[in-house]
Protein backbone atom coordinates (compact mmCIF):
# COMPACT_ATOMS: atom_id res chain seq x y z
CA MET A 1 67.01 87.61 76.33
CA ASN A 2 65.92 85.01 78.87
CA GLU A 3 62.82 83.03 78.11
CA PRO A 4 59.97 83.04 80.64
CA VAL A 5 59.99 79.85 82.67
CA GLY A 6 56.73 78.14 83.51
CA MET A 7 57.17 77.89 87.26
CA SER A 8 53.49 77.79 87.87
CA ALA A 9 53.44 75.40 90.83
CA GLU A 10 53.98 78.33 93.19
CA ALA A 11 51.52 80.62 91.46
CA THR A 12 48.65 78.26 90.70
CA GLY A 13 49.09 75.54 93.30
CA ALA A 14 50.09 71.91 93.07
CA ARG A 15 47.93 71.25 89.99
CA ASP A 16 50.82 72.21 87.68
CA PRO A 17 53.89 70.01 88.26
CA ILE A 18 57.41 71.26 88.67
CA ARG A 19 59.30 69.87 85.67
CA VAL A 20 62.80 68.69 86.62
CA LEU A 21 65.35 67.62 84.01
CA HIS A 22 68.19 65.45 85.36
CA VAL A 23 71.44 65.69 83.39
CA GLY A 24 74.03 62.94 83.73
CA PRO A 25 75.75 60.06 81.93
CA GLY A 26 73.91 57.41 79.97
CA ARG A 27 72.00 55.17 82.34
CA GLY A 28 73.29 52.10 80.50
CA GLN A 29 76.66 52.71 82.17
CA ARG A 30 77.74 50.95 85.33
CA GLY A 31 78.18 52.47 88.75
CA GLY A 32 78.45 56.02 90.01
CA ILE A 33 76.09 58.69 88.77
CA ALA A 34 74.46 56.31 86.30
CA SER A 35 73.27 54.18 89.22
CA VAL A 36 71.82 57.22 90.96
CA LEU A 37 69.91 58.25 87.84
CA ALA A 38 68.60 54.73 87.39
CA GLU A 39 67.38 54.77 90.99
CA LEU A 40 65.67 58.12 90.48
CA GLY A 41 64.00 56.78 87.36
CA THR A 42 62.34 54.01 89.36
CA GLN A 43 60.80 56.64 91.65
CA ARG A 44 59.00 58.66 88.95
CA ALA A 45 55.56 57.73 90.31
CA ARG A 46 56.50 58.73 93.85
CA PHE A 47 57.74 62.10 92.58
CA ALA A 48 54.58 62.52 90.49
CA ASP A 49 52.50 62.11 93.65
CA THR A 50 54.18 65.27 94.96
CA ALA A 51 53.69 67.22 91.69
CA ILE A 52 57.29 66.74 90.53
CA GLU A 53 57.70 65.56 86.93
CA LEU A 54 61.07 63.97 86.15
CA SER A 55 62.85 63.64 82.82
CA PHE A 56 66.44 62.67 81.97
CA PHE A 57 69.08 63.84 79.51
CA GLU A 58 72.00 61.49 78.94
CA THR A 59 75.34 62.98 77.85
CA ARG A 60 78.21 61.33 75.99
CA GLY A 61 81.73 61.08 77.32
CA PHE A 62 84.85 62.71 75.93
CA LYS A 63 86.87 59.51 75.56
CA SER A 64 87.29 59.85 71.80
CA ALA A 65 87.20 62.52 69.10
CA ALA A 66 84.02 60.94 67.73
CA ALA A 67 82.31 61.14 71.13
CA LEU A 68 83.34 64.77 71.53
CA ALA A 69 82.02 65.58 68.05
CA ALA A 70 78.74 63.83 68.87
CA PHE A 71 78.43 65.85 72.08
CA VAL A 72 78.89 69.10 70.14
CA CYS A 73 76.81 68.22 67.08
CA VAL A 74 74.05 66.09 68.64
CA ASP A 75 73.84 66.51 72.41
CA LEU A 76 74.17 70.30 72.55
CA PRO A 77 71.45 71.06 69.95
CA ARG A 78 69.09 68.45 71.42
CA PHE A 79 69.59 69.88 74.89
CA THR A 80 69.26 73.52 73.83
CA PHE A 81 66.32 73.28 71.44
CA GLY A 82 64.64 70.13 72.72
CA VAL A 83 64.56 68.86 76.29
CA LEU A 84 65.48 72.20 77.88
CA GLN A 85 62.26 73.76 76.59
CA LYS A 86 60.21 71.47 78.83
CA ALA A 87 62.15 72.02 82.07
CA ASP A 88 61.59 74.39 84.97
CA ILE A 89 64.62 73.15 86.91
CA VAL A 90 67.73 71.53 85.43
CA HIS A 91 69.49 69.23 87.90
CA PHE A 92 73.16 68.64 86.97
CA HIS A 93 74.89 65.53 88.34
CA VAL A 94 78.59 66.38 88.49
CA SER A 95 81.83 64.49 89.00
CA VAL A 96 85.42 65.31 88.01
CA ARG A 97 87.21 65.95 84.71
CA GLY A 98 85.00 65.37 81.64
CA SER A 99 81.84 65.13 83.72
CA PHE A 100 82.49 68.58 85.14
CA TYR A 101 83.27 70.22 81.79
CA ARG A 102 80.22 68.71 80.06
CA LYS A 103 77.88 69.90 82.81
CA LEU A 104 79.56 73.32 82.85
CA VAL A 105 78.75 73.88 79.17
CA LEU A 106 75.17 72.66 79.54
CA TRP A 107 74.67 74.69 82.72
CA ALA A 108 75.81 77.86 80.94
CA ILE A 109 73.19 77.22 78.24
CA ALA A 110 70.47 76.56 80.81
CA LYS A 111 71.44 79.71 82.67
CA LEU A 112 71.26 81.81 79.50
CA ARG A 113 67.83 80.35 78.73
CA GLY A 114 66.51 81.38 82.15
CA ARG A 115 66.20 77.97 83.77
CA ARG A 116 66.66 77.35 87.45
CA THR A 117 69.58 75.00 88.12
CA VAL A 118 70.89 72.57 90.73
CA PHE A 119 74.52 71.48 91.15
CA HIS A 120 74.71 67.92 92.56
CA LEU A 121 78.22 66.78 93.50
CA HIS A 122 78.89 63.02 93.50
CA ALA A 123 82.71 62.89 93.48
CA GLY A 124 84.67 62.14 96.62
CA ASN A 125 87.84 63.42 94.92
CA PHE A 126 86.45 66.74 93.65
CA GLU A 127 88.48 68.79 96.13
CA SER A 128 91.75 67.33 94.84
CA PHE A 129 90.53 67.86 91.26
CA ALA A 130 89.94 71.54 92.07
CA MET A 131 93.30 71.96 93.84
CA GLN A 132 95.25 70.42 90.96
CA ALA A 133 93.35 72.31 88.25
CA GLY A 134 94.61 75.33 86.38
CA PRO A 135 93.28 78.88 86.79
CA PHE A 136 90.55 78.48 84.14
CA THR A 137 89.06 75.41 85.80
CA ARG A 138 89.26 76.94 89.28
CA HIS A 139 87.39 80.02 88.06
CA ALA A 140 84.89 77.80 86.24
CA ILE A 141 84.23 75.80 89.42
CA ALA A 142 83.61 78.98 91.41
CA TRP A 143 81.33 80.34 88.67
CA PHE A 144 79.35 77.10 88.50
CA VAL A 145 78.87 76.42 92.23
CA ARG A 146 78.01 80.06 93.01
CA GLY A 147 75.71 80.54 90.04
CA VAL A 148 73.17 77.79 90.71
CA ASP A 149 69.90 78.12 92.58
CA ALA A 150 70.56 75.14 94.86
CA SER A 151 73.28 72.59 95.51
CA VAL A 152 73.18 68.97 96.62
CA ALA A 153 75.90 67.02 98.42
CA VAL A 154 75.60 63.25 98.72
CA SER A 155 77.04 63.27 102.24
CA SER A 156 77.87 65.72 105.01
CA PRO A 157 81.67 65.60 104.39
CA ILE A 158 81.03 66.43 100.73
CA ALA A 159 78.84 69.33 101.90
CA VAL A 160 81.81 70.69 103.87
CA GLU A 161 83.97 70.53 100.74
CA MET A 162 81.29 72.30 98.72
CA ARG A 163 81.09 75.15 101.22
CA GLN A 164 84.86 75.53 100.94
CA LEU A 165 84.46 75.80 97.17
CA GLY A 166 82.02 78.69 97.59
CA THR A 167 78.61 77.00 97.74
CA ASP A 168 75.95 79.06 99.52
CA ARG A 169 75.14 77.14 102.71
CA ARG A 170 71.58 78.56 102.66
CA THR A 171 70.75 76.66 99.47
CA LEU A 172 72.83 73.55 100.15
CA HIS A 173 71.01 70.24 100.69
CA VAL A 174 72.52 66.95 101.86
CA ILE A 175 70.72 64.14 100.03
CA GLY A 176 72.07 60.62 100.13
CA ASN A 177 71.44 57.93 97.57
CA THR A 178 68.97 55.06 97.62
CA ALA A 179 69.16 51.30 97.15
CA CYS A 180 65.59 50.58 96.07
CA ASP A 181 66.06 46.93 95.10
CA ALA A 182 67.88 46.09 98.33
CA GLU A 183 65.27 47.98 100.35
CA ALA A 184 62.43 46.11 98.65
CA ALA A 185 64.21 42.79 99.18
CA ALA A 186 64.57 43.57 102.89
CA HIS A 187 60.78 43.94 103.09
CA ARG A 188 60.10 40.78 101.06
CA HIS A 189 62.66 38.55 102.73
CA PRO A 190 63.59 39.60 106.27
CA VAL A 191 67.14 38.43 106.88
CA VAL A 192 68.03 36.44 110.00
CA LYS A 193 71.79 36.76 110.43
CA GLU A 194 72.30 33.97 112.98
CA ARG A 195 73.03 31.82 109.88
CA PRO A 196 70.60 28.89 110.16
CA ASP A 197 72.83 27.05 107.66
CA ARG A 198 75.87 26.57 109.87
CA ALA A 199 77.66 24.64 107.12
CA ALA A 200 77.75 27.70 104.87
CA PRO A 201 81.17 29.40 105.07
CA ALA A 202 81.26 32.94 106.43
CA TYR A 203 83.06 35.42 104.21
CA VAL A 204 83.93 39.09 103.87
CA ALA A 205 82.21 40.74 100.89
CA PHE A 206 83.56 43.60 98.76
CA ALA A 207 81.54 45.11 95.92
CA GLY A 208 82.78 47.88 93.65
CA ARG A 209 85.44 48.72 91.12
CA LEU A 210 88.60 46.75 91.78
CA THR A 211 91.00 49.68 92.13
CA LYS A 212 93.61 50.91 94.58
CA GLN A 213 91.36 53.89 95.38
CA LYS A 214 88.70 51.47 96.62
CA GLY A 215 91.24 49.93 98.98
CA VAL A 216 91.52 46.52 97.33
CA ASP A 217 95.22 46.30 98.18
CA ASP A 218 94.50 47.32 101.80
CA LEU A 219 91.89 44.57 102.13
CA LEU A 220 94.21 41.96 100.65
CA THR A 221 96.99 43.11 102.97
CA ALA A 222 94.64 42.83 105.96
CA ILE A 223 93.69 39.27 104.96
CA ALA A 224 97.40 38.44 104.65
CA LEU A 225 98.11 39.89 108.10
CA LEU A 226 95.36 37.72 109.56
CA ALA A 227 96.79 34.70 107.75
CA ASP A 228 100.19 35.38 109.30
CA ASP A 229 98.49 35.25 112.72
CA GLY A 230 96.84 31.95 111.90
CA TYR A 231 93.36 33.22 110.97
CA CYS A 232 91.78 32.10 107.71
CA VAL A 233 89.33 34.78 106.58
CA PRO A 234 87.71 34.19 103.17
CA VAL A 235 86.98 37.29 101.08
CA ARG A 236 84.93 37.57 97.90
CA PHE A 237 85.30 40.49 95.49
CA ALA A 238 82.38 41.45 93.25
CA GLY A 239 83.25 43.95 90.54
CA VAL A 240 85.48 44.60 87.56
CA GLY A 241 88.96 46.01 87.22
CA ASP A 242 92.54 44.86 86.73
CA MET A 243 91.76 41.31 87.83
CA ALA A 244 95.18 39.94 86.88
CA ARG A 245 96.90 42.47 89.15
CA TRP A 246 94.85 41.53 92.22
CA GLU A 247 95.04 37.79 91.56
CA ARG A 248 98.83 38.14 91.34
CA LEU A 249 98.94 40.10 94.60
CA ALA A 250 96.82 37.44 96.34
CA ARG A 251 99.29 34.78 95.15
CA ASP A 252 102.25 36.87 96.32
CA TYR A 253 100.64 37.15 99.75
CA ARG A 254 99.91 33.38 99.67
CA ILE A 255 96.20 33.96 100.34
CA ASP A 256 94.86 33.02 96.90
CA ASP A 257 93.18 29.97 98.49
CA ARG A 258 90.83 32.28 100.42
CA VAL A 259 90.32 35.04 97.85
CA GLN A 260 87.62 34.74 95.20
CA PHE A 261 86.75 37.15 92.38
CA VAL A 262 83.12 36.64 91.33
CA GLY A 263 82.85 39.36 88.68
CA TRP A 264 80.20 42.02 88.21
CA LEU A 265 76.92 41.08 89.92
CA GLU A 266 73.48 42.57 89.39
CA GLY A 267 69.93 42.04 90.61
CA ASP A 268 69.14 39.01 92.77
CA ALA A 269 72.67 37.62 92.40
CA LYS A 270 74.15 40.77 93.94
CA LEU A 271 71.65 40.81 96.82
CA ALA A 272 72.30 37.13 97.51
CA PHE A 273 76.03 37.93 97.57
CA TYR A 274 75.45 40.52 100.30
CA ARG A 275 73.08 38.34 102.33
CA GLY A 276 75.55 35.47 102.39
CA ALA A 277 78.34 37.60 103.87
CA ARG A 278 79.09 38.04 107.54
CA VAL A 279 80.80 41.40 106.96
CA PHE A 280 80.87 43.93 104.14
CA CYS A 281 84.22 45.70 103.76
CA MET A 282 84.94 48.74 101.60
CA PRO A 283 88.24 50.38 102.68
CA SER A 284 88.08 53.26 100.16
CA HIS A 285 90.64 56.05 100.12
CA TYR A 286 87.79 58.42 99.21
CA GLU A 287 84.09 57.77 98.81
CA SER A 288 81.44 60.40 98.14
CA PHE A 289 78.59 58.16 99.31
CA GLY A 290 78.83 54.38 98.91
CA ILE A 291 75.79 52.77 97.28
CA ALA A 292 77.23 49.27 97.70
CA THR A 293 77.61 49.95 101.40
CA LEU A 294 73.96 50.95 101.65
CA GLU A 295 72.92 47.83 99.75
CA ALA A 296 74.84 45.73 102.27
CA MET A 297 73.17 47.55 105.16
CA PHE A 298 69.71 46.86 103.72
CA SER A 299 70.86 43.23 103.50
CA CYS A 300 71.43 43.22 107.28
CA VAL A 301 75.23 43.07 107.02
CA PRO A 302 77.60 45.10 109.24
CA VAL A 303 80.12 47.34 107.49
CA VAL A 304 83.82 47.86 107.98
CA GLY A 305 84.75 51.03 106.09
CA THR A 306 87.02 54.02 106.25
CA ARG A 307 86.50 57.34 107.97
CA VAL A 308 85.94 59.27 104.72
CA GLY A 309 83.01 60.72 102.78
CA GLY A 310 79.72 58.89 102.88
CA PHE A 311 80.87 56.25 105.36
CA VAL A 312 80.75 58.91 108.08
CA ASP A 313 77.01 59.31 107.47
CA LEU A 314 76.21 55.69 106.69
CA VAL A 315 78.03 53.80 109.45
CA GLU A 316 77.54 54.45 113.14
CA ASP A 317 80.97 53.43 114.40
CA GLY A 318 80.77 50.63 116.94
CA VAL A 319 77.01 50.16 116.44
CA SER A 320 76.30 49.22 112.80
CA GLY A 321 79.91 48.54 111.89
CA PHE A 322 83.39 49.97 112.29
CA LEU A 323 85.32 52.83 110.68
CA VAL A 324 89.10 52.90 110.37
CA GLU A 325 91.50 55.39 108.85
CA PRO A 326 92.15 54.89 105.12
CA SER A 327 95.31 53.00 104.12
CA ASP A 328 95.54 51.26 107.51
CA PRO A 329 95.40 47.49 106.86
CA HIS A 330 96.42 46.68 110.46
CA ALA A 331 93.33 48.44 111.88
CA LEU A 332 91.26 46.83 109.14
CA ALA A 333 92.53 43.38 110.09
CA LEU A 334 91.63 43.90 113.77
CA ARG A 335 88.03 44.86 112.97
CA LEU A 336 87.58 42.02 110.49
CA LYS A 337 89.00 39.54 113.00
CA LEU A 338 86.55 40.74 115.64
CA LEU A 339 83.43 40.39 113.47
CA MET A 340 84.45 37.24 111.62
CA GLY A 341 85.21 35.58 114.94
CA ASP A 342 81.97 36.59 116.65
CA ALA A 343 78.84 35.71 114.68
CA GLN A 344 76.56 37.09 117.39
CA ALA A 345 78.24 40.51 117.40
CA ALA A 346 78.15 40.59 113.60
CA ALA A 347 74.45 39.71 113.59
CA SER A 348 73.67 42.44 116.14
CA MET A 349 75.56 45.06 114.14
CA GLY A 350 73.90 43.84 110.95
CA ARG A 351 70.46 44.42 112.45
CA ALA A 352 71.53 47.90 113.54
CA ALA A 353 72.78 48.58 109.99
CA LEU A 354 69.40 47.58 108.56
CA VAL A 355 67.52 49.85 110.97
CA ARG A 356 69.80 52.79 110.14
CA ALA A 357 69.33 52.22 106.40
CA GLN A 358 65.55 52.04 106.74
CA GLN A 359 65.34 55.16 108.88
CA ARG A 360 67.70 57.40 106.93
CA TYR A 361 67.92 56.13 103.37
CA SER A 362 64.53 54.70 102.42
CA CYS A 363 63.28 55.70 98.98
CA GLU A 364 60.46 57.63 100.62
CA ALA A 365 62.84 59.64 102.84
CA ILE A 366 65.26 60.48 100.02
CA VAL A 367 62.50 61.47 97.58
CA GLU A 368 61.10 63.83 100.21
CA ARG A 369 64.49 65.57 100.47
CA TYR A 370 64.59 66.07 96.71
CA VAL A 371 61.06 67.46 96.81
CA GLN A 372 62.05 69.92 99.54
CA CYS A 373 65.02 71.05 97.42
CA TYR A 374 62.89 71.66 94.31
CA ARG A 375 60.15 73.44 96.20
CA SER A 376 62.71 75.71 97.85
CA VAL A 377 64.05 76.65 94.39
CA ILE A 378 60.55 77.47 93.16
CA ALA A 379 59.74 79.44 96.30
CA ALA A 380 62.96 81.47 95.97
CA ALA A 381 62.15 82.17 92.30
CA ALA A 382 58.68 83.39 93.26
CA ARG A 383 60.13 85.69 95.93
CA ALA A 384 62.63 87.06 93.41
CA ARG A 385 59.82 87.86 90.95
CA ARG A 386 57.98 89.72 93.71
CA GLY A 387 61.12 91.67 94.51
CA GLU A 388 61.56 90.13 97.97
CA SER A 389 64.97 89.38 99.47
């Protein structure tokens, strides 16, 4: 028997907050969903001002038998008999493989206990995950996405994929991510991109996991193509991955003198890395949103990305940067050559990138979209209790 849920915000006004439990990976992890949850955590006060009370439940991975046992013996009981009791809406942050299966189990429990639920898709490769999955997983995906009260896509291309998976378009919300630190830094230290320090070398910045899927090999190939044409374009990679592989490839291409790997950057060091660049380049093969791209935009840096996922929403092609097809290093090289060779054009596009970030992806704007989503769930629940369609 389902437990009554205290959705009193609709019945008694804004005095009683809507209690939202976010379910995702441990926020001590790097990148991806963990970054989104960390960003949401910094906005608790802003949500509280709109009568939304946030809490977080961190799940363990399935990378070892011990972790799986801990999920079953610790996480499941704590979720079922602890944090779930204090939630009106449970917001599941979902990716592929283990992330999906963990959230599926927890969602089934929340559903049985009468909680309202939200499916939030973060993965740019979820469609391929679904296509390659077996019958059980395909049925589970359909059950999950059709059984929630609302769905969230991090970008409009991801929303299209979700509709193809069976998501109800009437309850689907497109909510991008935020870059609160970069946004705050833009207010504190307005960036002038004409480079008053002319002696400082201009470089292309990349920030993210150093993987083939992020287009690291495409970027290195583009730099090599430019080198063959006599153009020296420095590029700096911030992130972690198979460093030895990419250092070896740079040597093979004979561009190791202009390629620098600076490691994982955080805080002020990361923002300074963006601000010092003339161009930010992320030639991903798939990308659900692109938080690093947004951070670069708030840092007044134009973006060269690929025509996939979140880049389509983030970058206005030809205005705040350029978009090329994935796995096309020749097109990438042409765009990088244009911006690296024209500081004025790069500065103009960087200013346009900052304006676009401030208008569309400010913390205030994104929080308001979450609030609209939660209030629509509560309103639909109230209509259902009254027997309305």
